[in-house]
Every structure is written in structure tokens, then in C-alpha cells.
Amino acid sequence: MVWLNGEARPLEGRDLREVLEELGVELERVAVLVNEEAFPGRELPPYVLKEGDVVEVVALMQGG
């Protein structure tokens, strides 16, 4: 299983970017943490999900 935002999902062997796009994630509006390594969504490198991976998708917000 892969942990995606705290939920276990059977995503092993899938490309992370494709999974997120299928889920409707707008990559230019999020940051993605893969096993605690952070990437701007639009700069997400190619990554094939493996058993035990932990992925968190965090919405970017502007504030003042």
C-alpha cells in the first residue's frame, strides 16, 4: 500500500504525476511531499510509487 494524504491505497507501480492528475489535483497549486521530500507540484519529478511510500499533497495558499 501507498499512503496518500493519510489514506492507504493500492498504487504501487503507478506514476505519481498520473495518479494525482487522475484525482483532479491541479499540480500548479500544490506542493507534494514524497517520503518527506518536498517538491512544487509543477516540478514533480517522474516517480513510480513503491510499497510503503508516504505522499502528502498540500494546497498552496497566499496570505498576508
Protein backbone atom coordinates (compact mmCIF):
# COMPACT_ATOMS: atom_id res chain seq x y z
CA MET A 1 0.00 0.00 0.00
CA VAL A 2 0.91 3.62 -0.57
CA TRP A 3 -0.19 6.24 1.94
CA LEU A 4 -1.74 9.22 0.14
CA ASN A 5 -2.81 12.05 2.45
CA GLY A 6 -3.19 9.59 5.31
CA GLU A 7 -5.20 7.00 3.35
CA ALA A 8 -3.78 3.61 2.32
CA ARG A 9 -4.26 2.99 -1.39
CA PRO A 10 -3.07 0.20 -3.74
CA LEU A 11 -1.00 2.46 -6.02
CA GLU A 12 2.31 0.56 -6.20
CA GLY A 13 3.86 0.63 -9.67
CA ARG A 14 1.88 3.70 -10.77
CA ASP A 15 3.38 7.04 -11.81
CA LEU A 16 2.74 9.64 -9.11
CA ARG A 17 2.01 12.51 -11.50
CA GLU A 18 -0.55 10.40 -13.39
CA VAL A 19 -2.25 9.36 -10.14
CA LEU A 20 -2.53 12.96 -8.96
CA GLU A 21 -3.85 14.15 -12.31
CA GLU A 22 -6.47 11.36 -12.29
CA LEU A 23 -7.54 12.55 -8.84
CA GLY A 24 -8.02 16.07 -10.22
CA VAL A 25 -5.09 17.65 -8.39
CA GLU A 26 -4.02 20.92 -10.01
CA LEU A 27 -0.26 20.49 -9.78
CA GLU A 28 0.50 24.19 -10.21
CA ARG A 29 -1.48 24.89 -7.00
CA VAL A 30 0.09 22.34 -4.64
CA ALA A 31 3.29 21.11 -3.07
CA VAL A 32 3.88 17.38 -2.94
CA LEU A 33 5.84 15.60 -0.22
CA VAL A 34 7.16 12.17 -1.15
CA ASN A 35 8.62 10.37 1.86
CA GLU A 36 9.23 13.80 3.47
CA GLU A 37 10.98 15.27 0.40
CA ALA A 38 9.09 18.33 -0.86
CA PHE A 39 8.51 19.39 -4.47
CA PRO A 40 6.45 22.15 -6.04
CA GLY A 41 3.69 20.26 -7.85
CA ARG A 42 4.60 21.69 -11.25
CA GLU A 43 8.21 20.47 -10.74
CA LEU A 44 7.31 16.97 -9.56
CA PRO A 45 9.95 14.60 -10.95
CA PRO A 46 8.98 11.29 -12.54
CA TYR A 47 8.37 8.87 -9.69
CA VAL A 48 6.96 5.34 -9.65
CA LEU A 49 5.21 4.62 -6.37
CA LYS A 50 6.54 1.80 -4.19
CA GLU A 51 5.13 -0.19 -1.26
CA GLY A 52 5.22 1.94 1.90
CA ASP A 53 5.63 5.32 0.18
CA VAL A 54 4.06 8.24 2.02
CA VAL A 55 2.72 11.04 -0.18
CA GLU A 56 1.15 14.25 1.11
CA VAL A 57 -0.41 16.84 -1.18
CA VAL A 58 -0.55 20.30 0.35
CA ALA A 59 -2.51 23.20 -1.12
CA LEU A 60 -0.53 26.41 -1.52
CA MET A 61 -2.24 29.46 -0.12
CA GLN A 62 -1.49 33.15 -0.28
CA GLY A 63 -1.94 35.23 2.76
CA GLY A 64 -0.94 38.38 4.43
